[in-house]
C-alpha cells in the first residue's frame, strides 16, 4: 500500500482502520496519491525564495491532485427541527474527491502555524461523524525534511558564496530590518562572532521553519493525544529526498520562484514587517 511513496522515504501512518478502508474501498485514491505525491521535487531555490511560504513544488503537487479531480470543496451541514433550520456549519477542505459517492478529504500543511493541525483534525472528525467523509488525509513535512532544512540552507549559502548582505541582494534575497539587525548583531559581536553564512542560515530557518510550524512531530503530538479520533486518518510525511540542488541559484531563478508564488495560500509562520 503506497509502496511508491514508502520506497521514496515518505512517512506513512494509518489510524482508526484507515488502511483497511482505503485498501478495500478506495484503491484508486491510493494510486492517485502515490502518483501525485511521488512526483514531488522541490529545488532548494524555491525554499529559499519563498521562505516559509508554500513552495512551487507543493503548488505543483496541488495542481497534480486537482488534475486528478481532488478539488477544493465546502461541506455544508444543516440541522432542522420541524422544518426550521436551527444550525448550519461549513467546512472548506482544499482537496476532496468522491469515489462511488464516498468522499476522501485531504489537506496539505507544508509550513503553517502548527495549530492548523488542530483545525484539520477537528474538521475531519466532525465531517466523519456526520457521514460526510470516509477518510481524512494530511500531508506535511516529514521528520527527515524538517530536521535537515538547516543543512540545506547552509549548503545553499556555501555553494553560492553567501558571505555578506550584498551577496544576498545579488541573489534577490531580501531581508527585513529586524532580520538584518539580528544577523549583524551575531556576526559583529566581540565575543565569539558567528560567520555570516551560519548566522543567516540560523536566522532563516528559525524564522521560517521553526518548531512551531507544521511538521511530522507536531502532527504526531496531536494524534497521540487523540485529536481527530475516531476519524480514519492517513498521515503522510514528505522526506528530505524531495529537495534538489540541480537548479542553478541565479537571481533570475530566485525571482522566478517568487513571481510564480500562489497568492491565496494560508498564513504562514510569521509576517514580514518593516
C-alpha atoms as a PDB file:
ATOM      1  CA  UNK A   1       0.000   0.000   0.000  1.00  0.00           C
ATOM      2  CA  UNK A   2       1.527   3.272  -1.191  1.00  0.00           C
ATOM      3  CA  UNK A   3       4.675   1.295  -1.964  1.00  0.00           C
ATOM      4  CA  UNK A   4       5.986   4.027  -4.254  1.00  0.00           C
ATOM      5  CA  UNK A   5       5.873   6.636  -1.504  1.00  0.00           C
ATOM      6  CA  UNK A   6       7.348   4.254   1.059  1.00  0.00           C
ATOM      7  CA  UNK A   7      10.285   3.458  -1.227  1.00  0.00           C
ATOM      8  CA  UNK A   8      10.999   7.175  -1.612  1.00  0.00           C
ATOM      9  CA  UNK A   9      11.156   7.659   2.142  1.00  0.00           C
ATOM     10  CA  UNK A  10       7.716   9.163   2.798  1.00  0.00           C
ATOM     11  CA  UNK A  11       6.472   8.572   6.333  1.00  0.00           C
ATOM     12  CA  UNK A  12       3.079   6.875   6.392  1.00  0.00           C
ATOM     13  CA  UNK A  13       0.736   6.391   9.325  1.00  0.00           C
ATOM     14  CA  UNK A  14      -2.750   4.883   9.208  1.00  0.00           C
ATOM     15  CA  UNK A  15      -5.151   5.413  12.104  1.00  0.00           C
ATOM     16  CA  UNK A  16      -8.617   4.085  13.013  1.00  0.00           C
ATOM     17  CA  UNK A  17      -8.641   1.333  10.367  1.00  0.00           C
ATOM     18  CA  UNK A  18      -7.781   3.757   7.567  1.00  0.00           C
ATOM     19  CA  UNK A  19      -5.503   1.172   5.919  1.00  0.00           C
ATOM     20  CA  UNK A  20      -8.275  -1.403   5.618  1.00  0.00           C
ATOM     21  CA  UNK A  21     -10.823   1.166   4.457  1.00  0.00           C
ATOM     22  CA  UNK A  22      -8.545   2.643   1.793  1.00  0.00           C
ATOM     23  CA  UNK A  23      -7.341  -0.752   0.582  1.00  0.00           C
ATOM     24  CA  UNK A  24     -10.845  -2.170   0.223  1.00  0.00           C
ATOM     25  CA  UNK A  25     -12.974   0.830  -0.760  1.00  0.00           C
ATOM     26  CA  UNK A  26     -10.537   3.391  -2.192  1.00  0.00           C
ATOM     27  CA  UNK A  27      -7.772   1.636  -4.165  1.00  0.00           C
ATOM     28  CA  UNK A  28      -7.986   4.324  -6.864  1.00  0.00           C
ATOM     29  CA  UNK A  29      -7.410   7.018  -4.247  1.00  0.00           C
ATOM     30  CA  UNK A  30      -4.245   5.247  -3.116  1.00  0.00           C
ATOM     31  CA  UNK A  31      -2.988   5.020  -6.697  1.00  0.00           C
ATOM     32  CA  UNK A  32      -3.643   8.709  -7.296  1.00  0.00           C
ATOM     33  CA  UNK A  33      -1.929   9.751  -4.060  1.00  0.00           C
ATOM     34  CA  UNK A  34       1.079   7.625  -4.975  1.00  0.00           C
ATOM     35  CA  UNK A  35       1.162   9.295  -8.383  1.00  0.00           C
ATOM     36  CA  UNK A  36       0.659  12.919  -7.308  1.00  0.00           C
ATOM     37  CA  UNK A  37       2.901  12.912  -4.245  1.00  0.00           C
ATOM     38  CA  UNK A  38       5.536  10.567  -5.628  1.00  0.00           C
ATOM     39  CA  UNK A  39       6.431  13.012  -8.393  1.00  0.00           C
ATOM     40  CA  UNK A  40       7.222  15.788  -5.907  1.00  0.00           C
ATOM     41  CA  UNK A  41      10.560  17.581  -6.130  1.00  0.00           C
ATOM     42  CA  UNK A  42      11.454  20.913  -4.546  1.00  0.00           C
ATOM     43  CA  UNK A  43      14.576  22.752  -5.764  1.00  0.00           C
ATOM     44  CA  UNK A  44      16.399  24.499  -2.931  1.00  0.00           C
ATOM     45  CA  UNK A  45      15.960  27.795  -4.782  1.00  0.00           C
ATOM     46  CA  UNK A  46      12.203  27.562  -4.211  1.00  0.00           C
ATOM     47  CA  UNK A  47      12.634  27.007  -0.480  1.00  0.00           C
ATOM     48  CA  UNK A  48      14.950  29.999  -0.244  1.00  0.00           C
ATOM     49  CA  UNK A  49      12.893  32.268  -2.491  1.00  0.00           C
ATOM     50  CA  UNK A  50       9.572  31.733  -0.775  1.00  0.00           C
ATOM     51  CA  UNK A  51      10.907  31.493   2.745  1.00  0.00           C
ATOM     52  CA  UNK A  52       8.224  29.977   4.934  1.00  0.00           C
ATOM     53  CA  UNK A  53       5.591  30.169   2.232  1.00  0.00           C
ATOM     54  CA  UNK A  54       4.327  27.343   0.112  1.00  0.00           C
ATOM     55  CA  UNK A  55       6.939  26.322  -2.447  1.00  0.00           C
ATOM     56  CA  UNK A  56       6.277  25.894  -6.147  1.00  0.00           C
ATOM     57  CA  UNK A  57       6.907  22.192  -5.549  1.00  0.00           C
ATOM     58  CA  UNK A  58       3.963  21.890  -3.182  1.00  0.00           C
ATOM     59  CA  UNK A  59       1.919  24.027  -5.545  1.00  0.00           C
ATOM     60  CA  UNK A  60       2.754  21.556  -8.321  1.00  0.00           C
ATOM     61  CA  UNK A  61       1.610  18.760  -6.033  1.00  0.00           C
ATOM     62  CA  UNK A  62      -1.676  20.606  -5.512  1.00  0.00           C
ATOM     63  CA  UNK A  63      -2.054  21.029  -9.268  1.00  0.00           C
ATOM     64  CA  UNK A  64      -1.421  17.300  -9.780  1.00  0.00           C
ATOM     65  CA  UNK A  65      -4.124  16.454  -7.264  1.00  0.00           C
ATOM     66  CA  UNK A  66      -6.525  18.946  -8.829  1.00  0.00           C
ATOM     67  CA  UNK A  67      -5.953  17.475 -12.278  1.00  0.00           C
ATOM     68  CA  UNK A  68      -6.868  14.080 -10.846  1.00  0.00           C
ATOM     69  CA  UNK A  69     -10.132  15.503  -9.511  1.00  0.00           C
ATOM     70  CA  UNK A  70      -9.114  16.359  -5.950  1.00  0.00           C
ATOM     71  CA  UNK A  71     -10.758  19.792  -5.807  1.00  0.00           C
ATOM     72  CA  UNK A  72     -11.436  22.376  -3.124  1.00  0.00           C
ATOM     73  CA  UNK A  73     -14.827  21.641  -1.620  1.00  0.00           C
ATOM     74  CA  UNK A  74     -17.079  23.157   1.022  1.00  0.00           C
ATOM     75  CA  UNK A  75     -19.184  20.798   3.097  1.00  0.00           C
ATOM     76  CA  UNK A  76     -22.318  22.451   4.494  1.00  0.00           C
ATOM     77  CA  UNK A  77     -24.142  20.637   7.282  1.00  0.00           C
ATOM     78  CA  UNK A  78     -27.593  21.907   8.226  1.00  0.00           C
ATOM     79  CA  UNK A  79     -29.805  20.741  11.071  1.00  0.00           C
ATOM     80  CA  UNK A  80     -33.518  21.412  11.174  1.00  0.00           C
ATOM     81  CA  UNK A  81     -36.262  20.908  13.733  1.00  0.00           C
ATOM     82  CA  UNK A  82     -39.811  20.623  12.384  1.00  0.00           C
ATOM     83  CA  UNK A  83     -38.658  22.098   9.114  1.00  0.00           C
ATOM     84  CA  UNK A  84     -36.949  25.081  10.749  1.00  0.00           C
ATOM     85  CA  UNK A  85     -33.212  25.420  10.259  1.00  0.00           C
ATOM     86  CA  UNK A  86     -31.568  25.653  13.675  1.00  0.00           C
ATOM     87  CA  UNK A  87     -27.914  25.294  12.850  1.00  0.00           C
ATOM     88  CA  UNK A  88     -25.622  25.338   9.829  1.00  0.00           C
ATOM     89  CA  UNK A  89     -21.885  24.761   9.757  1.00  0.00           C
ATOM     90  CA  UNK A  90     -19.478  24.724   6.845  1.00  0.00           C
ATOM     91  CA  UNK A  91     -16.057  23.122   6.451  1.00  0.00           C
ATOM     92  CA  UNK A  92     -13.865  24.015   3.481  1.00  0.00           C
ATOM     93  CA  UNK A  93     -11.259  21.405   2.545  1.00  0.00           C
ATOM     94  CA  UNK A  94      -8.507  22.050  -0.006  1.00  0.00           C
ATOM     95  CA  UNK A  95      -8.678  18.673  -1.765  1.00  0.00           C
ATOM     96  CA  UNK A  96     -11.712  16.391  -1.824  1.00  0.00           C
ATOM     97  CA  UNK A  97     -12.689  13.612  -4.198  1.00  0.00           C
ATOM     98  CA  UNK A  98     -15.694  11.321  -4.343  1.00  0.00           C
ATOM     99  CA  UNK A  99     -15.284   7.624  -5.118  1.00  0.00           C
ATOM    100  CA  UNK A 100     -18.614   5.913  -5.813  1.00  0.00           C
ATOM    101  CA  UNK A 101     -20.352   8.520  -3.682  1.00  0.00           C
ATOM    102  CA  UNK A 102     -17.955   8.296  -0.721  1.00  0.00           C
ATOM    103  CA  UNK A 103     -15.555  11.139  -0.011  1.00  0.00           C
ATOM    104  CA  UNK A 104     -11.877  11.288   0.893  1.00  0.00           C
ATOM    105  CA  UNK A 105     -10.640  14.679   2.164  1.00  0.00           C
ATOM    106  CA  UNK A 106      -7.027  15.891   2.058  1.00  0.00           C
ATOM    107  CA  UNK A 107      -5.139  18.865   3.477  1.00  0.00           C
ATOM    108  CA  UNK A 108      -1.531  19.846   2.739  1.00  0.00           C
ATOM    109  CA  UNK A 109       0.254  21.599   5.600  1.00  0.00           C
ATOM    110  CA  UNK A 110       3.658  22.478   4.186  1.00  0.00           C
ATOM    111  CA  UNK A 111       4.520  25.264   6.595  1.00  0.00           C
ATOM    112  CA  UNK A 112       1.676  26.816   8.539  1.00  0.00           C
ATOM    113  CA  UNK A 113       1.449  27.503  12.247  1.00  0.00           C
ATOM    114  CA  UNK A 114       1.082  24.149  13.962  1.00  0.00           C
ATOM    115  CA  UNK A 115      -2.454  24.856  15.352  1.00  0.00           C
ATOM    116  CA  UNK A 116      -3.637  24.344  11.770  1.00  0.00           C
ATOM    117  CA  UNK A 117      -3.293  20.630  12.533  1.00  0.00           C
ATOM    118  CA  UNK A 118      -5.950  21.011  15.250  1.00  0.00           C
ATOM    119  CA  UNK A 119      -8.260  22.691  12.746  1.00  0.00           C
ATOM    120  CA  UNK A 120      -7.761  19.994  10.125  1.00  0.00           C
ATOM    121  CA  UNK A 121      -8.145  17.075  12.505  1.00  0.00           C
ATOM    122  CA  UNK A 122     -11.230  18.527  14.174  1.00  0.00           C
ATOM    123  CA  UNK A 123     -12.799  19.239  10.778  1.00  0.00           C
ATOM    124  CA  UNK A 124     -12.162  15.660   9.705  1.00  0.00           C
ATOM    125  CA  UNK A 125     -13.611  14.362  12.978  1.00  0.00           C
ATOM    126  CA  UNK A 126     -16.825  16.377  12.564  1.00  0.00           C
ATOM    127  CA  UNK A 127     -17.225  15.519   8.902  1.00  0.00           C
ATOM    128  CA  UNK A 128     -16.695  11.821   9.578  1.00  0.00           C
ATOM    129  CA  UNK A 129     -19.169  11.876  12.463  1.00  0.00           C
ATOM    130  CA  UNK A 130     -21.771  13.375  10.125  1.00  0.00           C
ATOM    131  CA  UNK A 131     -21.058  10.746   7.467  1.00  0.00           C
ATOM    132  CA  UNK A 132     -19.662  13.337   5.060  1.00  0.00           C
ATOM    133  CA  UNK A 133     -16.205  11.773   4.609  1.00  0.00           C
ATOM    134  CA  UNK A 134     -14.809   8.266   4.948  1.00  0.00           C
ATOM    135  CA  UNK A 135     -11.127   9.116   5.416  1.00  0.00           C
ATOM    136  CA  UNK A 136      -9.085  12.238   6.144  1.00  0.00           C
ATOM    137  CA  UNK A 137      -5.547  12.695   4.776  1.00  0.00           C
ATOM    138  CA  UNK A 138      -2.904  15.174   5.962  1.00  0.00           C
ATOM    139  CA  UNK A 139       0.367  15.757   4.106  1.00  0.00           C
ATOM    140  CA  UNK A 140       3.153  17.654   5.884  1.00  0.00           C
ATOM    141  CA  UNK A 141       6.942  17.938   6.168  1.00  0.00           C
ATOM    142  CA  UNK A 142       8.362  14.636   7.335  1.00  0.00           C
ATOM    143  CA  UNK A 143      10.933  14.157  10.082  1.00  0.00           C
ATOM    144  CA  UNK A 144      13.966  13.981   7.801  1.00  0.00           C
ATOM    145  CA  UNK A 145      12.930  17.051   5.819  1.00  0.00           C
ATOM    146  CA  UNK A 146      12.226  19.151   8.892  1.00  0.00           C
ATOM    147  CA  UNK A 147      15.477  18.127  10.585  1.00  0.00           C
ATOM    148  CA  UNK A 148      17.584  18.845   7.509  1.00  0.00           C
ATOM    149  CA  UNK A 149      16.248  22.247   6.469  1.00  0.00           C
ATOM    150  CA  UNK A 150      19.198  23.975   8.164  1.00  0.00           C
ATOM    151  CA  UNK A 151      21.660  21.697   6.354  1.00  0.00           C
ATOM    152  CA  UNK A 152      20.011  22.506   3.023  1.00  0.00           C
ATOM    153  CA  UNK A 153      20.067  26.256   3.652  1.00  0.00           C
ATOM    154  CA  UNK A 154      23.662  26.113   4.873  1.00  0.00           C
ATOM    155  CA  UNK A 155      24.693  24.158   1.778  1.00  0.00           C
ATOM    156  CA  UNK A 156      22.948  26.730  -0.394  1.00  0.00           C
ATOM    157  CA  UNK A 157      24.906  29.510   1.328  1.00  0.00           C
ATOM    158  CA  UNK A 158      28.200  27.658   0.886  1.00  0.00           C
ATOM    159  CA  UNK A 159      27.673  26.749  -2.763  1.00  0.00           C
ATOM    160  CA  UNK A 160      26.568  30.281  -3.642  1.00  0.00           C
ATOM    161  CA  UNK A 161      29.309  32.012  -1.657  1.00  0.00           C
ATOM    162  CA  UNK A 162      26.924  33.952   0.557  1.00  0.00           C
ATOM    163  CA  UNK A 163      29.203  35.858   2.907  1.00  0.00           C
ATOM    164  CA  UNK A 164      27.508  39.248   3.183  1.00  0.00           C
ATOM    165  CA  UNK A 165      24.246  41.134   2.814  1.00  0.00           C
ATOM    166  CA  UNK A 166      25.451  42.158  -0.640  1.00  0.00           C
ATOM    167  CA  UNK A 167      25.671  38.509  -1.644  1.00  0.00           C
ATOM    168  CA  UNK A 168      22.054  38.005  -0.584  1.00  0.00           C
ATOM    169  CA  UNK A 169      20.986  41.044  -2.609  1.00  0.00           C
ATOM    170  CA  UNK A 170      22.888  39.636  -5.584  1.00  0.00           C
ATOM    171  CA  UNK A 171      20.517  36.656  -5.481  1.00  0.00           C
ATOM    172  CA  UNK A 172      17.384  38.780  -4.958  1.00  0.00           C
ATOM    173  CA  UNK A 173      17.055  37.619  -1.357  1.00  0.00           C
ATOM    174  CA  UNK A 174      15.599  40.484   0.679  1.00  0.00           C
ATOM    175  CA  UNK A 175      15.710  40.878   4.446  1.00  0.00           C
ATOM    176  CA  UNK A 176      13.603  42.955   6.794  1.00  0.00           C
ATOM    177  CA  UNK A 177      15.359  45.400   9.104  1.00  0.00           C
ATOM    178  CA  UNK A 178      14.688  43.068  12.018  1.00  0.00           C
ATOM    179  CA  UNK A 179      16.385  40.120  10.331  1.00  0.00           C
ATOM    180  CA  UNK A 180      19.323  42.196   9.133  1.00  0.00           C
ATOM    181  CA  UNK A 181      19.869  43.565  12.648  1.00  0.00           C
ATOM    182  CA  UNK A 182      19.715  40.100  14.210  1.00  0.00           C
ATOM    183  CA  UNK A 183      22.290  38.717  11.781  1.00  0.00           C
ATOM    184  CA  UNK A 184      24.555  41.731  12.108  1.00  0.00           C
ATOM    185  CA  UNK A 185      24.457  41.503  15.896  1.00  0.00           C
ATOM    186  CA  UNK A 186      25.759  37.926  15.838  1.00  0.00           C
ATOM    187  CA  UNK A 187      28.409  38.463  13.163  1.00  0.00           C
ATOM    188  CA  UNK A 188      29.912  41.637  14.645  1.00  0.00           C
ATOM    189  CA  UNK A 189      29.879  40.873  18.363  1.00  0.00           C
ATOM    190  CA  UNK A 190      33.293  40.935  20.047  1.00  0.00           C
ATOM    191  CA  UNK A 191      32.953  37.601  21.808  1.00  0.00           C
ATOM    192  CA  UNK A 192      32.604  34.518  19.610  1.00  0.00           C
ATOM    193  CA  UNK A 193      31.275  36.186  16.448  1.00  0.00           C
ATOM    194  CA  UNK A 194      29.394  33.900  14.065  1.00  0.00           C
ATOM    195  CA  UNK A 195      30.324  33.511  10.409  1.00  0.00           C
ATOM    196  CA  UNK A 196      27.835  35.290   8.150  1.00  0.00           C
ATOM    197  CA  UNK A 197      26.511  32.193   6.283  1.00  0.00           C
ATOM    198  CA  UNK A 198      25.875  30.406   9.594  1.00  0.00           C
ATOM    199  CA  UNK A 199      24.144  33.433  11.107  1.00  0.00           C
ATOM    200  CA  UNK A 200      21.959  33.837   8.027  1.00  0.00           C
ATOM    201  CA  UNK A 201      21.053  30.130   7.895  1.00  0.00           C
ATOM    202  CA  UNK A 202      20.194  30.154  11.610  1.00  0.00           C
ATOM    203  CA  UNK A 203      18.005  33.223  11.191  1.00  0.00           C
ATOM    204  CA  UNK A 204      16.275  31.949   8.064  1.00  0.00           C
ATOM    205  CA  UNK A 205      15.433  28.515   9.442  1.00  0.00           C
ATOM    206  CA  UNK A 206      14.378  29.708  12.898  1.00  0.00           C
ATOM    207  CA  UNK A 207      12.131  32.369  11.385  1.00  0.00           C
ATOM    208  CA  UNK A 208      10.598  30.304   8.594  1.00  0.00           C
ATOM    209  CA  UNK A 209      10.823  26.625   9.550  1.00  0.00           C
ATOM    210  CA  UNK A 210      10.836  26.650  13.338  1.00  0.00           C
ATOM    211  CA  UNK A 211       9.462  24.104  15.761  1.00  0.00           C
ATOM    212  CA  UNK A 212       6.108  25.902  15.986  1.00  0.00           C
ATOM    213  CA  UNK A 213       5.335  25.196  12.319  1.00  0.00           C
ATOM    214  CA  UNK A 214       3.525  22.242  10.773  1.00  0.00           C
ATOM    215  CA  UNK A 215       5.766  19.179  10.598  1.00  0.00           C
ATOM    216  CA  UNK A 216       5.583  15.470  11.409  1.00  0.00           C
ATOM    217  CA  UNK A 217       6.355  15.588  15.133  1.00  0.00           C
ATOM    218  CA  UNK A 218       3.757  18.279  15.754  1.00  0.00           C
ATOM    219  CA  UNK A 219       1.200  16.188  13.894  1.00  0.00           C
ATOM    220  CA  UNK A 220       2.110  13.092  15.931  1.00  0.00           C
ATOM    221  CA  UNK A 221       1.711  15.116  19.128  1.00  0.00           C
ATOM    222  CA  UNK A 222      -1.913  15.747  18.155  1.00  0.00           C
ATOM    223  CA  UNK A 223      -2.922  12.264  17.067  1.00  0.00           C
ATOM    224  CA  UNK A 224      -1.131  10.630  20.013  1.00  0.00           C
ATOM    225  CA  UNK A 225      -3.418  12.524  22.369  1.00  0.00           C
ATOM    226  CA  UNK A 226      -6.488  11.632  20.326  1.00  0.00           C
ATOM    227  CA  UNK A 227      -7.168  14.773  18.296  1.00  0.00           C
ATOM    228  CA  UNK A 228      -9.270  13.774  15.288  1.00  0.00           C
ATOM    229  CA  UNK A 229     -10.188  10.373  16.724  1.00  0.00           C
ATOM    230  CA  UNK A 230     -12.137   8.300  15.657  1.00  0.00           C
ATOM    231  CA  UNK A 231     -11.970   9.558  12.052  1.00  0.00           C
ATOM    232  CA  UNK A 232      -9.896   7.159   9.911  1.00  0.00           C
ATOM    233  CA  UNK A 233      -6.718   9.038   9.025  1.00  0.00           C
ATOM    234  CA  UNK A 234      -3.842   8.675   6.589  1.00  0.00           C
ATOM    235  CA  UNK A 235      -0.880  10.863   7.569  1.00  0.00           C
ATOM    236  CA  UNK A 236       1.953  11.430   5.082  1.00  0.00           C
ATOM    237  CA  UNK A 237       5.354  12.980   5.830  1.00  0.00           C
ATOM    238  CA  UNK A 238       7.370  14.443   2.941  1.00  0.00           C
ATOM    239  CA  UNK A 239      11.026  13.264   3.102  1.00  0.00           C
ATOM    240  CA  UNK A 240      14.280  15.163   2.649  1.00  0.00           C
ATOM    241  CA  UNK A 241      14.873  13.366  -0.658  1.00  0.00           C
ATOM    242  CA  UNK A 242      12.439  15.700  -2.466  1.00  0.00           C
ATOM    243  CA  UNK A 243      14.861  18.636  -2.104  1.00  0.00           C
ATOM    244  CA  UNK A 244      17.194  19.019  -5.085  1.00  0.00           C
ATOM    245  CA  UNK A 245      20.211  21.187  -5.816  1.00  0.00           C
ATOM    246  CA  UNK A 246      20.345  20.734  -9.586  1.00  0.00           C
ATOM    247  CA  UNK A 247      18.896  24.147 -10.424  1.00  0.00           C
ATOM    248  CA  UNK A 248      21.410  26.991 -10.514  1.00  0.00           C
ATOM    249  CA  UNK A 249      20.822  29.656  -7.872  1.00  0.00           C
ATOM    250  CA  UNK A 250      20.788  32.690 -10.134  1.00  0.00           C
ATOM    251  CA  UNK A 251      18.983  35.961  -9.406  1.00  0.00           C
ATOM    252  CA  UNK A 252      16.599  35.030 -12.227  1.00  0.00           C
ATOM    253  CA  UNK A 253      15.825  31.648 -10.647  1.00  0.00           C
ATOM    254  CA  UNK A 254      15.065  33.233  -7.278  1.00  0.00           C
ATOM    255  CA  UNK A 255      12.956  35.958  -8.883  1.00  0.00           C
ATOM    256  CA  UNK A 256      11.034  33.397 -10.951  1.00  0.00           C
ATOM    257  CA  UNK A 257      10.252  31.343  -7.865  1.00  0.00           C
ATOM    258  CA  UNK A 258       8.877  34.426  -6.153  1.00  0.00           C
ATOM    259  CA  UNK A 259       6.877  35.608  -9.175  1.00  0.00           C
ATOM    260  CA  UNK A 260       5.196  32.224  -9.586  1.00  0.00           C
ATOM    261  CA  UNK A 261       4.075  32.007  -5.962  1.00  0.00           C
ATOM    262  CA  UNK A 262       0.407  31.279  -5.388  1.00  0.00           C
ATOM    263  CA  UNK A 263      -1.242  34.363  -3.885  1.00  0.00           C
ATOM    264  CA  UNK A 264      -4.042  32.710  -1.934  1.00  0.00           C
ATOM    265  CA  UNK A 265      -2.055  30.369   0.295  1.00  0.00           C
ATOM    266  CA  UNK A 266      -2.890  30.278   4.010  1.00  0.00           C
ATOM    267  CA  UNK A 267      -0.925  32.382   6.532  1.00  0.00           C
ATOM    268  CA  UNK A 268       2.488  31.009   7.411  1.00  0.00           C
ATOM    269  CA  UNK A 269       4.736  31.202  10.422  1.00  0.00           C
ATOM    270  CA  UNK A 270       5.481  34.906  10.586  1.00  0.00           C
ATOM    271  CA  UNK A 271       4.504  38.098   8.850  1.00  0.00           C
ATOM    272  CA  UNK A 272       7.178  40.208   7.240  1.00  0.00           C
ATOM    273  CA  UNK A 273       7.416  43.568   8.931  1.00  0.00           C
ATOM    274  CA  UNK A 274       9.199  46.853   8.429  1.00  0.00           C
END
